[in-house]
């Protein structure tokens, strides 16, 4: 017989109750602040402004590179005089007209392309031909066709906006799962109703991305066209403001105009498109 294993004595150990622990310990204030996106971006912008001011003071040449303080002073003076608000109003008014027309045309082209084979061939051919063509290159033709007026600027803006939005919208439409398309057809949806009720909501992230790209293209095209084209009907925009002050060697006002262009771009990106994304694709769980 094999020896029996030894029997270990049994015992019971009393455990002391753990101390009360708070599970909802708040994060430190510095961590909570740094988690705010707007604060991090503000810090980055502040660092860039500090670098700008330091380089300007080291160079010590206001004609070549005015500092932040000098540029801000010129910006405040022109805002108070009403000159800069008038230029901003003219530029944004022209930009919104061209942007809206181009966006609607892009949506119509994309809807036609997803509905018919002819529309698909038409969109692919036109985007291959016209999308690589710079919008500013069409400005001489626009001046011949539409004359010296805002219609010429709107024409080049429509060209710059329509193709990137159409491409992104078409890409979004083609990436919609076939299951959603079949569900829409089961409910009797076809043609425009299928596009409005199924394709557009399902491809909204791509559409918003195209709208953002189209806005950037339109904004750059407008400023470049105003720099080349100048004032229309006696009224100029931000591009004309920059060009005019460059001719008069008011470099601080040139930087003030450039800063205004940047600030408007940041506001549109941070307020309009960010709010649209939070209210739609992020709220619906379609985007992180």
Protein backbone atom coordinates (compact mmCIF):
# COMPACT_ATOMS: atom_id res chain seq x y z
CA UNK A 1 0.00 0.00 0.00
CA UNK A 2 1.09 3.47 -0.83
CA UNK A 3 1.40 5.85 2.10
CA UNK A 4 -1.55 8.17 2.70
CA UNK A 5 -0.88 11.87 2.13
CA UNK A 6 -0.77 13.96 5.25
CA UNK A 7 -3.97 15.68 6.26
CA UNK A 8 -3.57 19.42 6.46
CA UNK A 9 -5.38 21.17 9.26
CA UNK A 10 -8.26 23.38 8.19
CA UNK A 11 -8.45 26.97 9.28
CA UNK A 12 -10.50 30.07 8.49
CA UNK A 13 -8.90 33.43 7.98
CA UNK A 14 -10.96 36.49 8.67
CA UNK A 15 -10.43 39.24 6.13
CA UNK A 16 -10.77 42.82 7.15
CA UNK A 17 -13.23 44.93 5.19
CA UNK A 18 -11.49 47.11 2.62
CA UNK A 19 -11.56 50.82 3.10
CA UNK A 20 -14.23 52.69 1.22
CA UNK A 21 -12.94 53.61 -2.21
CA UNK A 22 -14.38 56.35 -4.41
CA UNK A 23 -15.01 55.06 -7.90
CA UNK A 24 -15.89 58.45 -9.32
CA UNK A 25 -12.63 60.22 -8.60
CA UNK A 26 -12.55 63.29 -10.86
CA UNK A 27 -9.61 63.85 -13.16
CA UNK A 28 -7.20 66.65 -12.31
CA UNK A 29 -8.13 70.05 -13.65
CA UNK A 30 -5.11 70.18 -15.96
CA UNK A 31 -6.06 66.82 -17.52
CA UNK A 32 -9.68 67.87 -18.02
CA UNK A 33 -8.61 71.09 -19.68
CA UNK A 34 -6.10 69.39 -21.94
CA UNK A 35 -8.78 66.95 -23.10
CA UNK A 36 -10.62 69.88 -24.66
CA UNK A 37 -9.89 70.02 -28.40
CA UNK A 38 -10.46 73.75 -28.65
CA UNK A 39 -7.90 74.43 -25.92
CA UNK A 40 -5.22 72.30 -27.58
CA UNK A 41 -5.79 74.04 -30.91
CA UNK A 42 -5.70 77.42 -29.18
CA UNK A 43 -2.33 76.57 -27.66
CA UNK A 44 -0.99 75.59 -31.08
CA UNK A 45 -2.19 78.87 -32.62
CA UNK A 46 -0.69 80.84 -29.72
CA UNK A 47 2.67 79.13 -30.21
CA UNK A 48 2.61 79.96 -33.92
CA UNK A 49 1.84 83.60 -33.13
CA UNK A 50 4.73 83.74 -30.67
CA UNK A 51 7.10 82.31 -33.28
CA UNK A 52 5.82 84.83 -35.82
CA UNK A 53 6.39 87.76 -33.44
CA UNK A 54 9.88 86.55 -32.47
CA UNK A 55 10.96 86.13 -36.11
CA UNK A 56 9.55 89.55 -37.01
CA UNK A 57 11.43 91.24 -34.16
CA UNK A 58 14.66 89.47 -35.08
CA UNK A 59 14.34 90.52 -38.71
CA UNK A 60 13.36 94.08 -37.73
CA UNK A 61 11.92 94.95 -41.15
CA UNK A 62 8.26 95.96 -41.11
CA UNK A 63 8.10 96.14 -44.90
CA UNK A 64 9.09 92.49 -45.29
CA UNK A 65 7.54 90.92 -42.21
CA UNK A 66 5.40 92.96 -39.80
CA UNK A 67 4.83 91.53 -36.35
CA UNK A 68 1.66 90.22 -34.79
CA UNK A 69 1.02 93.43 -32.86
CA UNK A 70 1.43 95.63 -35.93
CA UNK A 71 -0.81 93.37 -38.01
CA UNK A 72 -3.46 93.32 -35.29
CA UNK A 73 -3.37 97.11 -35.10
CA UNK A 74 -3.92 97.42 -38.85
CA UNK A 75 -6.73 94.86 -38.70
CA UNK A 76 -8.52 96.73 -35.91
CA UNK A 77 -8.18 100.06 -37.74
CA UNK A 78 -9.68 98.70 -40.97
CA UNK A 79 -12.44 96.90 -39.08
CA UNK A 80 -13.39 100.10 -37.29
CA UNK A 81 -13.28 102.14 -40.50
CA UNK A 82 -15.65 99.68 -42.17
CA UNK A 83 -13.34 98.87 -45.07
CA UNK A 84 -12.54 95.30 -44.06
CA UNK A 85 -16.15 94.33 -43.13
CA UNK A 86 -17.27 95.52 -46.56
CA UNK A 87 -14.64 93.38 -48.29
CA UNK A 88 -15.59 90.36 -46.17
CA UNK A 89 -19.27 90.80 -47.02
CA UNK A 90 -18.56 91.03 -50.75
CA UNK A 91 -16.34 87.95 -50.75
CA UNK A 92 -18.69 85.79 -48.67
CA UNK A 93 -21.73 86.84 -50.70
CA UNK A 94 -20.06 85.82 -53.97
CA UNK A 95 -18.64 82.67 -52.40
CA UNK A 96 -21.97 81.43 -51.05
CA UNK A 97 -23.69 81.86 -54.42
CA UNK A 98 -21.06 79.87 -56.29
CA UNK A 99 -20.80 77.28 -53.51
CA UNK A 100 -24.54 76.61 -53.35
CA UNK A 101 -24.91 76.38 -57.13
CA UNK A 102 -21.93 74.05 -57.41
CA UNK A 103 -23.14 71.84 -54.53
CA UNK A 104 -26.62 71.43 -56.03
CA UNK A 105 -25.20 70.61 -59.47
CA UNK A 106 -22.78 68.10 -57.95
CA UNK A 107 -25.62 66.35 -56.10
CA UNK A 108 -27.71 66.21 -59.28
CA UNK A 109 -24.82 64.76 -61.29
CA UNK A 110 -24.17 62.14 -58.61
CA UNK A 111 -27.84 61.20 -58.36
CA UNK A 112 -28.02 60.83 -62.15
CA UNK A 113 -24.85 58.73 -62.15
CA UNK A 114 -26.16 56.32 -59.52
CA UNK A 115 -29.50 56.00 -61.30
CA UNK A 116 -28.52 55.50 -64.96
CA UNK A 117 -25.61 54.12 -66.92
CA UNK A 118 -25.50 57.23 -69.09
CA UNK A 119 -25.22 59.42 -66.00
CA UNK A 120 -22.37 57.28 -64.67
CA UNK A 121 -20.49 57.59 -67.97
CA UNK A 122 -21.21 61.31 -68.11
CA UNK A 123 -19.94 61.97 -64.59
CA UNK A 124 -16.78 59.90 -65.00
CA UNK A 125 -15.97 61.57 -68.32
CA UNK A 126 -16.57 65.12 -67.10
CA UNK A 127 -14.62 64.66 -63.88
CA UNK A 128 -11.70 63.13 -65.78
CA UNK A 129 -11.69 66.09 -68.16
CA UNK A 130 -12.51 69.05 -65.93
CA UNK A 131 -11.45 68.14 -62.39
CA UNK A 132 -7.69 68.48 -63.13
CA UNK A 133 -8.33 71.85 -64.81
CA UNK A 134 -7.56 74.72 -62.39
CA UNK A 135 -10.55 76.96 -61.89
CA UNK A 136 -8.44 80.10 -62.15
CA UNK A 137 -7.43 79.03 -65.68
CA UNK A 138 -11.06 79.52 -66.74
CA UNK A 139 -11.13 83.12 -65.55
CA UNK A 140 -10.08 84.66 -68.93
CA UNK A 141 -12.88 82.75 -70.67
CA UNK A 142 -15.32 83.75 -67.94
CA UNK A 143 -14.43 87.39 -68.48
CA UNK A 144 -15.10 87.02 -72.21
CA UNK A 145 -18.40 85.23 -71.69
CA UNK A 146 -19.84 87.07 -68.68
CA UNK A 147 -17.97 90.39 -68.65
CA UNK A 148 -16.57 92.34 -65.73
CA UNK A 149 -18.92 91.34 -62.97
CA UNK A 150 -19.61 88.85 -60.24
CA UNK A 151 -21.01 86.36 -62.75
CA UNK A 152 -17.45 85.59 -63.87
CA UNK A 153 -16.37 84.87 -60.31
CA UNK A 154 -19.41 82.71 -59.68
CA UNK A 155 -18.66 80.72 -62.83
CA UNK A 156 -15.13 79.79 -61.72
CA UNK A 157 -16.40 79.08 -58.20
CA UNK A 158 -18.98 76.63 -59.52
CA UNK A 159 -16.25 74.86 -61.47
CA UNK A 160 -13.98 74.59 -58.43
CA UNK A 161 -16.76 73.33 -56.16
CA UNK A 162 -18.73 70.95 -58.36
CA UNK A 163 -16.19 68.26 -59.22
CA UNK A 164 -14.70 67.45 -55.78
CA UNK A 165 -18.17 67.34 -54.23
CA UNK A 166 -19.48 65.18 -57.08
CA UNK A 167 -16.58 62.74 -56.75
CA UNK A 168 -16.98 62.38 -52.98
CA UNK A 169 -20.75 62.04 -53.26
CA UNK A 170 -20.42 59.40 -55.98
CA UNK A 171 -17.85 57.54 -53.88
CA UNK A 172 -20.24 57.59 -50.94
CA UNK A 173 -23.13 56.35 -53.07
CA UNK A 174 -21.12 53.42 -54.43
CA UNK A 175 -20.01 52.39 -50.93
CA UNK A 176 -23.58 52.03 -49.62
CA UNK A 177 -24.18 48.33 -48.81
CA UNK A 178 -26.41 46.43 -51.18
CA UNK A 179 -28.54 45.38 -48.21
CA UNK A 180 -29.68 48.97 -47.68
CA UNK A 181 -30.45 49.36 -51.36
CA UNK A 182 -32.54 46.18 -51.33
CA UNK A 183 -34.35 47.35 -48.21
CA UNK A 184 -35.22 50.59 -49.93
CA UNK A 185 -36.48 48.77 -53.02
CA UNK A 186 -38.60 46.51 -50.81
CA UNK A 187 -40.32 49.63 -49.52
CA UNK A 188 -40.99 50.73 -53.09
CA UNK A 189 -38.26 53.35 -53.26
CA UNK A 190 -36.59 54.04 -56.59
CA UNK A 191 -35.02 56.93 -58.46
CA UNK A 192 -34.97 60.23 -56.54
CA UNK A 193 -36.80 58.72 -53.54
CA UNK A 194 -34.13 56.03 -53.17
CA UNK A 195 -31.40 58.69 -53.36
CA UNK A 196 -33.03 60.98 -50.79
CA UNK A 197 -34.12 58.34 -48.29
CA UNK A 198 -31.37 55.71 -48.54
CA UNK A 199 -28.25 56.81 -50.40
CA UNK A 200 -27.77 60.32 -49.02
CA UNK A 201 -28.19 59.37 -45.31
CA UNK A 202 -25.98 56.29 -45.71
CA UNK A 203 -23.21 58.18 -47.54
CA UNK A 204 -23.40 61.37 -45.47
CA UNK A 205 -19.78 61.14 -44.16
CA UNK A 206 -18.46 61.18 -47.74
CA UNK A 207 -20.83 63.98 -48.70
CA UNK A 208 -19.73 66.15 -45.77
CA UNK A 209 -16.09 65.44 -46.62
CA UNK A 210 -16.77 66.57 -50.17
CA UNK A 211 -18.50 69.72 -48.92
CA UNK A 212 -15.46 70.56 -46.80
CA UNK A 213 -13.09 70.02 -49.72
CA UNK A 214 -15.34 72.04 -52.00
CA UNK A 215 -15.44 74.88 -49.48
CA UNK A 216 -11.64 74.98 -49.29
CA UNK A 217 -11.33 74.94 -53.09
CA UNK A 218 -13.94 77.68 -53.45
CA UNK A 219 -12.32 79.90 -50.81
CA UNK A 220 -8.87 79.63 -52.41
CA UNK A 221 -10.27 80.12 -55.90
CA UNK A 222 -12.17 83.24 -54.89
CA UNK A 223 -9.15 84.90 -53.28
CA UNK A 224 -6.94 84.02 -56.27
CA UNK A 225 -9.57 85.25 -58.75
CA UNK A 226 -9.95 88.55 -56.90
CA UNK A 227 -6.18 88.97 -56.85
CA UNK A 228 -6.11 88.57 -60.65
CA UNK A 229 -9.50 89.97 -61.53
CA UNK A 230 -9.64 92.81 -59.02
CA UNK A 231 -12.83 94.64 -58.18
CA UNK A 232 -16.17 93.98 -59.84
CA UNK A 233 -18.67 96.80 -60.28
CA UNK A 234 -16.52 99.04 -58.10
CA UNK A 235 -16.62 96.63 -55.14
CA UNK A 236 -13.80 94.26 -54.31
CA UNK A 237 -13.43 91.46 -51.84
CA UNK A 238 -10.65 90.23 -49.59
CA UNK A 239 -8.45 89.29 -52.54
CA UNK A 240 -8.72 92.81 -53.92
CA UNK A 241 -8.01 94.21 -50.45
CA UNK A 242 -4.79 92.18 -50.27
CA UNK A 243 -3.76 93.10 -53.82
CA UNK A 244 -4.43 96.81 -53.34
CA UNK A 245 -2.47 97.04 -50.10
CA UNK A 246 0.39 95.09 -51.65
CA UNK A 247 0.62 97.69 -54.41
CA UNK A 248 0.69 100.46 -51.81
CA UNK A 249 3.31 98.59 -49.74
CA UNK A 250 1.05 98.35 -46.68
CA UNK A 251 2.43 94.97 -45.68
CA UNK A 252 0.73 95.00 -42.30
CA UNK A 253 -2.64 95.29 -44.04
CA UNK A 254 -1.67 92.53 -46.44
CA UNK A 255 -1.06 90.26 -43.44
CA UNK A 256 -4.30 91.49 -41.90
CA UNK A 257 -6.17 90.38 -45.02
CA UNK A 258 -4.41 87.01 -45.02
CA UNK A 259 -5.20 86.55 -41.33
CA UNK A 260 -8.86 87.34 -42.04
CA UNK A 261 -8.95 84.64 -44.71
CA UNK A 262 -7.46 82.14 -42.24
CA UNK A 263 -9.83 83.11 -39.42
CA UNK A 264 -12.90 82.78 -41.63
CA UNK A 265 -11.69 79.35 -42.76
CA UNK A 266 -11.19 78.26 -39.14
CA UNK A 267 -14.62 79.53 -38.13
CA UNK A 268 -16.37 77.74 -40.97
CA UNK A 269 -14.48 74.52 -40.22
CA UNK A 270 -14.93 74.73 -36.45
CA UNK A 271 -18.50 75.99 -36.31
CA UNK A 272 -20.41 75.08 -39.45
CA UNK A 273 -18.95 71.73 -40.47
CA UNK A 274 -18.12 70.56 -36.95
CA UNK A 275 -21.68 71.32 -35.82
CA UNK A 276 -23.08 69.54 -38.87
CA UNK A 277 -20.97 66.45 -38.15
CA UNK A 278 -21.96 66.37 -34.47
CA UNK A 279 -25.65 66.69 -35.33
CA UNK A 280 -25.56 63.97 -37.99
CA UNK A 281 -22.78 61.42 -38.56
CA UNK A 282 -21.29 61.48 -35.06
CA UNK A 283 -24.67 61.41 -33.40
CA UNK A 284 -25.71 58.47 -35.56
CA UNK A 285 -22.50 56.54 -34.83
CA UNK A 286 -21.26 56.75 -38.42
CA UNK A 287 -18.06 58.55 -37.49
CA UNK A 288 -15.81 58.51 -34.45
